[in-house]
Amino acid sequence: MVVEAIIILVSSTGGGRFRAIVEARQIMASSRAPFLAGCRVLPAEGMAADAVAVMRHMGSDTDCLKGKVGTAAGLMVAEDHSGIRFRKFTPISRKAPPSIRQNGAGASDDRPAEINESLTPPAGAGI
């Protein structure tokens, strides 16, 4: 049985940010992680968490990233001294300003340890 995937098309808005489009409709205006951000929008629009989503760049038929909507919605991209990793999604609080240490360095990252989920490049992607 072949399962139809939801195609999330992304195009650059500049500065390392991208818009996300599904079925000719913009679902995310600007994000550094448009696939993950788009997958957080889709369930609110009635998309099943176990539906498969595929990211493609506008004008390309190459599948760049693939995963279940619910899995992708629960992730974010984080960069630290260890590199770039998927982490459990933590919404940004708009209520309080970010804390700053006395020495001026940013606050410590108290997010959960790395999450290894089933977001993978498609087979044969050469990655």
N, C-alpha and C. Protein backbone atom coordinates (compact mmCIF):
# COMPACT_ATOMS: atom_id res chain seq x y z
N MET A 1 0.84 -1.18 0.00
CA MET A 1 0.00 0.00 0.00
C MET A 1 0.88 1.24 0.00
N VAL A 2 0.67 2.15 -0.92
CA VAL A 2 1.42 3.39 -1.02
C VAL A 2 0.69 4.47 -0.23
N VAL A 3 1.41 5.13 0.67
CA VAL A 3 0.83 6.19 1.47
C VAL A 3 1.21 7.53 0.85
N GLU A 4 0.22 8.35 0.58
CA GLU A 4 0.47 9.69 0.03
C GLU A 4 1.05 10.57 1.13
N ALA A 5 2.13 11.25 0.83
CA ALA A 5 2.75 12.16 1.78
C ALA A 5 2.25 13.58 1.55
N ILE A 6 2.22 14.36 2.61
CA ILE A 6 1.93 15.77 2.51
C ILE A 6 3.22 16.44 2.07
N ILE A 7 3.18 17.20 1.01
CA ILE A 7 4.38 17.86 0.50
C ILE A 7 4.43 19.28 1.07
N ILE A 8 5.51 19.56 1.80
CA ILE A 8 5.75 20.91 2.31
C ILE A 8 6.83 21.52 1.42
N LEU A 9 6.44 22.52 0.63
CA LEU A 9 7.38 23.22 -0.22
C LEU A 9 7.97 24.40 0.55
N VAL A 10 9.28 24.56 0.47
CA VAL A 10 9.91 25.68 1.17
C VAL A 10 10.66 26.56 0.16
N SER A 11 10.68 27.85 0.45
CA SER A 11 11.45 28.79 -0.37
C SER A 11 12.04 29.84 0.56
N SER A 12 13.21 30.32 0.19
CA SER A 12 13.95 31.26 1.01
C SER A 12 13.26 32.61 1.12
N THR A 13 13.27 33.16 2.32
CA THR A 13 12.82 34.54 2.53
C THR A 13 14.02 35.42 2.84
N GLY A 14 15.23 34.83 2.82
CA GLY A 14 16.47 35.56 3.09
C GLY A 14 16.94 35.37 4.52
N GLY A 15 18.20 35.56 4.73
CA GLY A 15 18.76 35.48 6.08
C GLY A 15 18.66 34.11 6.72
N GLY A 16 18.66 33.05 5.92
CA GLY A 16 18.57 31.70 6.47
C GLY A 16 17.18 31.30 6.92
N ARG A 17 16.18 32.05 6.51
CA ARG A 17 14.79 31.76 6.88
C ARG A 17 14.03 31.32 5.63
N PHE A 18 12.96 30.55 5.85
CA PHE A 18 12.18 29.98 4.75
C PHE A 18 10.70 30.07 5.05
N ARG A 19 9.89 30.18 3.99
CA ARG A 19 8.43 30.07 4.12
C ARG A 19 8.06 28.64 3.79
N ALA A 20 6.95 28.17 4.33
CA ALA A 20 6.47 26.80 4.07
C ALA A 20 5.09 26.88 3.43
N ILE A 21 4.91 26.08 2.36
CA ILE A 21 3.67 26.10 1.58
C ILE A 21 3.16 24.67 1.44
N VAL A 22 1.87 24.47 1.68
CA VAL A 22 1.21 23.17 1.48
C VAL A 22 0.01 23.42 0.58
N GLU A 23 -0.06 22.67 -0.51
CA GLU A 23 -1.17 22.78 -1.46
C GLU A 23 -1.44 24.22 -1.85
N ALA A 24 -0.39 24.93 -2.27
CA ALA A 24 -0.46 26.31 -2.75
C ALA A 24 -0.91 27.31 -1.68
N ARG A 25 -0.81 26.92 -0.40
CA ARG A 25 -1.23 27.79 0.70
C ARG A 25 -0.08 27.93 1.68
N GLN A 26 0.30 29.17 1.98
CA GLN A 26 1.38 29.40 2.94
C GLN A 26 0.92 29.04 4.34
N ILE A 27 1.67 28.15 5.00
CA ILE A 27 1.33 27.77 6.37
C ILE A 27 2.32 28.34 7.38
N MET A 28 3.48 28.80 6.90
CA MET A 28 4.49 29.40 7.77
C MET A 28 5.17 30.50 6.97
N ALA A 29 5.16 31.72 7.49
CA ALA A 29 5.72 32.85 6.76
C ALA A 29 7.24 32.91 6.81
N SER A 30 7.82 32.55 7.94
CA SER A 30 9.27 32.66 8.07
C SER A 30 9.76 31.81 9.24
N SER A 31 10.69 30.89 8.94
CA SER A 31 11.24 30.03 9.97
C SER A 31 12.61 29.55 9.55
N ARG A 32 13.49 29.32 10.51
CA ARG A 32 14.79 28.71 10.23
C ARG A 32 14.66 27.20 10.08
N ALA A 33 13.56 26.64 10.55
CA ALA A 33 13.28 25.20 10.45
C ALA A 33 11.87 25.02 9.91
N PRO A 34 11.64 25.32 8.63
CA PRO A 34 10.28 25.35 8.10
C PRO A 34 9.56 24.01 8.11
N PHE A 35 10.28 22.90 7.99
CA PHE A 35 9.63 21.59 8.02
C PHE A 35 9.03 21.35 9.41
N LEU A 36 9.83 21.55 10.45
CA LEU A 36 9.35 21.32 11.81
C LEU A 36 8.25 22.31 12.18
N ALA A 37 8.44 23.59 11.85
CA ALA A 37 7.43 24.61 12.15
C ALA A 37 6.13 24.33 11.39
N GLY A 38 6.26 23.92 10.13
CA GLY A 38 5.07 23.58 9.35
C GLY A 38 4.32 22.41 9.94
N CYS A 39 5.05 21.42 10.43
CA CYS A 39 4.40 20.25 11.03
C CYS A 39 3.72 20.60 12.35
N ARG A 40 4.11 21.69 13.00
CA ARG A 40 3.39 22.14 14.20
C ARG A 40 2.08 22.82 13.84
N VAL A 41 1.98 23.37 12.63
CA VAL A 41 0.76 24.04 12.17
C VAL A 41 -0.28 23.02 11.69
N LEU A 42 0.17 21.97 11.01
CA LEU A 42 -0.74 21.02 10.36
C LEU A 42 -1.76 20.34 11.29
N PRO A 43 -1.40 19.88 12.49
CA PRO A 43 -2.41 19.24 13.34
C PRO A 43 -3.55 20.18 13.72
N ALA A 44 -3.26 21.46 13.88
CA ALA A 44 -4.31 22.43 14.20
C ALA A 44 -5.29 22.58 13.05
N GLU A 45 -4.86 22.16 11.86
CA GLU A 45 -5.72 22.21 10.67
C GLU A 45 -6.35 20.86 10.36
N GLY A 46 -6.27 19.92 11.32
CA GLY A 46 -6.92 18.63 11.17
C GLY A 46 -6.07 17.51 10.62
N MET A 47 -4.78 17.74 10.41
CA MET A 47 -3.88 16.72 9.89
C MET A 47 -3.58 15.70 10.99
N ALA A 48 -3.64 14.42 10.65
CA ALA A 48 -3.36 13.36 11.62
C ALA A 48 -1.87 13.36 11.99
N ALA A 49 -1.58 13.09 13.25
CA ALA A 49 -0.20 13.06 13.74
C ALA A 49 0.63 11.98 13.05
N ASP A 50 -0.02 10.90 12.60
CA ASP A 50 0.74 9.81 11.97
C ASP A 50 0.86 9.98 10.44
N ALA A 51 0.34 11.09 9.91
CA ALA A 51 0.50 11.37 8.48
C ALA A 51 1.97 11.65 8.18
N VAL A 52 2.42 11.25 7.00
CA VAL A 52 3.82 11.46 6.61
C VAL A 52 3.92 12.78 5.84
N ALA A 53 4.91 13.59 6.23
CA ALA A 53 5.18 14.85 5.54
C ALA A 53 6.57 14.77 4.91
N VAL A 54 6.71 15.40 3.76
CA VAL A 54 7.97 15.46 3.03
C VAL A 54 8.26 16.91 2.70
N MET A 55 9.50 17.33 2.91
CA MET A 55 9.91 18.69 2.57
C MET A 55 10.66 18.68 1.24
N ARG A 56 10.29 19.62 0.38
CA ARG A 56 10.99 19.85 -0.89
C ARG A 56 11.23 21.34 -1.04
N HIS A 57 12.31 21.70 -1.71
CA HIS A 57 12.55 23.09 -2.04
C HIS A 57 11.72 23.44 -3.26
N MET A 58 11.21 24.65 -3.29
CA MET A 58 10.38 25.13 -4.39
C MET A 58 11.10 24.90 -5.72
N GLY A 59 10.40 24.30 -6.68
CA GLY A 59 10.96 24.04 -7.99
C GLY A 59 11.74 22.74 -8.11
N SER A 60 11.79 21.96 -7.04
CA SER A 60 12.54 20.70 -7.05
C SER A 60 11.61 19.54 -6.73
N ASP A 61 11.90 18.37 -7.30
CA ASP A 61 11.15 17.16 -6.99
C ASP A 61 11.90 16.29 -5.99
N THR A 62 13.03 16.78 -5.47
CA THR A 62 13.85 16.01 -4.53
C THR A 62 13.29 16.12 -3.13
N ASP A 63 13.03 14.97 -2.50
CA ASP A 63 12.59 14.94 -1.10
C ASP A 63 13.81 15.19 -0.22
N CYS A 64 13.76 16.27 0.56
CA CYS A 64 14.91 16.65 1.39
C CYS A 64 14.82 16.12 2.81
N LEU A 65 13.62 16.02 3.34
CA LEU A 65 13.41 15.56 4.71
C LEU A 65 12.04 14.92 4.77
N LYS A 66 11.91 13.86 5.58
CA LYS A 66 10.65 13.14 5.66
C LYS A 66 10.43 12.70 7.10
N GLY A 67 9.19 12.74 7.56
CA GLY A 67 8.88 12.26 8.91
C GLY A 67 7.39 12.33 9.16
N LYS A 68 6.97 11.74 10.27
CA LYS A 68 5.57 11.82 10.66
C LYS A 68 5.30 13.21 11.22
N VAL A 69 4.14 13.75 10.90
CA VAL A 69 3.77 15.10 11.32
C VAL A 69 3.90 15.25 12.83
N GLY A 70 3.37 14.32 13.60
CA GLY A 70 3.42 14.43 15.05
C GLY A 70 4.83 14.38 15.61
N THR A 71 5.68 13.55 15.03
CA THR A 71 7.08 13.46 15.47
C THR A 71 7.79 14.77 15.18
N ALA A 72 7.66 15.25 13.95
CA ALA A 72 8.33 16.50 13.56
C ALA A 72 7.82 17.69 14.36
N ALA A 73 6.53 17.71 14.67
CA ALA A 73 5.96 18.81 15.44
C ALA A 73 6.55 18.89 16.84
N GLY A 74 6.99 17.78 17.36
CA GLY A 74 7.55 17.75 18.72
C GLY A 74 9.04 18.03 18.79
N LEU A 75 9.65 18.42 17.65
CA LEU A 75 11.09 18.66 17.61
C LEU A 75 11.42 20.10 17.25
N MET A 76 12.62 20.49 17.61
CA MET A 76 13.19 21.76 17.19
C MET A 76 14.66 21.52 16.87
N VAL A 77 15.28 22.45 16.21
CA VAL A 77 16.70 22.36 15.91
C VAL A 77 17.43 23.24 16.91
N ALA A 78 18.44 22.68 17.56
CA ALA A 78 19.24 23.44 18.53
C ALA A 78 20.70 23.32 18.17
N GLU A 79 21.43 24.40 18.37
CA GLU A 79 22.86 24.40 18.11
C GLU A 79 23.58 24.78 19.39
N ASP A 80 24.58 23.96 19.75
CA ASP A 80 25.40 24.26 20.93
C ASP A 80 26.83 23.84 20.65
N HIS A 81 27.64 23.72 21.67
CA HIS A 81 29.05 23.36 21.49
C HIS A 81 29.23 21.99 20.85
N SER A 82 28.21 21.14 20.90
CA SER A 82 28.29 19.80 20.31
C SER A 82 27.87 19.78 18.84
N GLY A 83 27.32 20.86 18.35
CA GLY A 83 26.86 20.92 16.97
C GLY A 83 25.36 21.16 16.88
N ILE A 84 24.82 20.81 15.73
CA ILE A 84 23.38 21.00 15.48
C ILE A 84 22.68 19.68 15.73
N ARG A 85 21.58 19.73 16.50
CA ARG A 85 20.86 18.51 16.89
C ARG A 85 19.36 18.77 16.93
N PHE A 86 18.59 17.70 16.79
CA PHE A 86 17.17 17.76 17.08
C PHE A 86 17.02 17.70 18.59
N ARG A 87 16.12 18.52 19.12
CA ARG A 87 15.78 18.53 20.54
C ARG A 87 14.26 18.53 20.67
N LYS A 88 13.79 18.20 21.86
CA LYS A 88 12.36 18.28 22.14
C LYS A 88 11.94 19.75 22.00
N PHE A 89 10.83 20.00 21.30
CA PHE A 89 10.35 21.36 21.09
C PHE A 89 9.95 22.00 22.40
N THR A 90 10.43 23.22 22.61
CA THR A 90 10.07 24.02 23.77
C THR A 90 9.59 25.36 23.26
N PRO A 91 8.30 25.68 23.43
CA PRO A 91 7.80 26.97 22.95
C PRO A 91 8.53 28.11 23.65
N ILE A 92 8.72 29.20 22.93
CA ILE A 92 9.35 30.38 23.51
C ILE A 92 8.32 31.12 24.34
N SER A 93 8.66 31.39 25.58
CA SER A 93 7.76 32.14 26.45
C SER A 93 7.84 33.61 26.10
N ARG A 94 6.71 34.24 25.90
CA ARG A 94 6.67 35.67 25.59
C ARG A 94 6.45 36.49 26.86
N LYS A 95 6.32 35.83 28.02
CA LYS A 95 5.99 36.52 29.26
C LYS A 95 7.20 37.14 29.94
N ALA A 96 8.36 36.49 29.88
CA ALA A 96 9.53 36.97 30.60
C ALA A 96 10.71 37.12 29.66
N PRO A 97 11.54 38.12 29.88
CA PRO A 97 12.74 38.25 29.03
C PRO A 97 13.71 37.12 29.33
N PRO A 98 14.59 36.79 28.38
CA PRO A 98 15.56 35.73 28.64
C PRO A 98 16.48 36.13 29.78
N SER A 99 16.85 35.16 30.61
CA SER A 99 17.74 35.45 31.73
C SER A 99 19.16 35.57 31.23
N ILE A 100 19.94 36.43 31.89
CA ILE A 100 21.33 36.65 31.51
C ILE A 100 22.18 36.51 32.76
N ARG A 101 23.27 35.77 32.64
CA ARG A 101 24.20 35.60 33.76
C ARG A 101 24.91 36.92 34.06
N GLN A 102 25.50 37.01 35.25
CA GLN A 102 26.23 38.20 35.65
C GLN A 102 27.35 38.55 34.68
N ASN A 103 28.02 37.54 34.12
CA ASN A 103 29.14 37.81 33.23
C ASN A 103 28.70 38.19 31.82
N GLY A 104 27.38 38.23 31.59
CA GLY A 104 26.87 38.65 30.30
C GLY A 104 26.64 37.51 29.32
N ALA A 105 27.09 36.29 29.66
CA ALA A 105 26.87 35.14 28.79
C ALA A 105 25.40 34.76 28.85
N GLY A 106 24.92 34.06 27.84
CA GLY A 106 23.53 33.61 27.81
C GLY A 106 23.23 32.61 28.91
N ALA A 107 21.96 32.45 29.19
CA ALA A 107 21.52 31.50 30.21
C ALA A 107 21.86 30.08 29.78
N SER A 108 21.98 29.19 30.74
CA SER A 108 22.30 27.80 30.41
C SER A 108 21.13 27.14 29.70
N ASP A 109 21.43 26.15 28.90
CA ASP A 109 20.42 25.42 28.15
C ASP A 109 19.92 24.28 29.01
N ASP A 110 18.73 24.44 29.58
CA ASP A 110 18.20 23.39 30.46
C ASP A 110 17.18 22.52 29.74
N ARG A 111 17.24 22.49 28.42
CA ARG A 111 16.33 21.62 27.66
C ARG A 111 16.74 20.17 27.85
N PRO A 112 15.80 19.26 27.59
CA PRO A 112 16.13 17.83 27.71
C PRO A 112 17.25 17.43 26.77
N ALA A 113 17.87 16.31 27.08
CA ALA A 113 18.94 15.78 26.23
C ALA A 113 18.41 15.53 24.83
N GLU A 114 19.31 15.35 23.92
CA GLU A 114 19.01 15.14 22.50
C GLU A 114 17.92 14.08 22.32
N ILE A 115 17.02 14.33 21.39
CA ILE A 115 15.95 13.40 21.06
C ILE A 115 16.29 12.75 19.72
N ASN A 116 16.33 11.43 19.69
CA ASN A 116 16.57 10.73 18.43
C ASN A 116 15.23 10.22 17.93
N GLU A 117 14.69 10.91 16.96
CA GLU A 117 13.39 10.55 16.42
C GLU A 117 13.54 10.08 14.98
N SER A 118 12.43 9.74 14.38
CA SER A 118 12.46 9.13 13.06
C SER A 118 12.36 10.14 11.93
N LEU A 119 13.06 11.26 12.03
CA LEU A 119 13.15 12.20 10.92
C LEU A 119 14.42 11.86 10.16
N THR A 120 14.29 11.46 8.95
CA THR A 120 15.45 11.02 8.19
C THR A 120 15.40 11.55 6.78
N PRO A 121 16.58 11.74 6.18
CA PRO A 121 16.56 12.04 4.75
C PRO A 121 16.02 10.81 4.02
N PRO A 122 15.34 10.98 2.93
CA PRO A 122 14.81 9.83 2.17
C PRO A 122 15.93 8.92 1.69
N ALA A 123 15.60 7.67 1.50
CA ALA A 123 16.58 6.70 0.99
C ALA A 123 17.14 7.19 -0.33
N GLY A 124 18.43 7.05 -0.49
CA GLY A 124 19.07 7.44 -1.73
C GLY A 124 19.36 8.92 -1.83
N ALA A 125 19.19 9.67 -0.73
CA ALA A 125 19.42 11.10 -0.78
C ALA A 125 20.90 11.45 -0.81
N GLY A 126 21.75 10.46 -0.58
CA GLY A 126 23.19 10.69 -0.66
C GLY A 126 23.75 11.44 0.52
N ILE A 127 23.05 11.40 1.65
CA ILE A 127 23.53 12.11 2.84
C ILE A 127 24.13 11.12 3.81
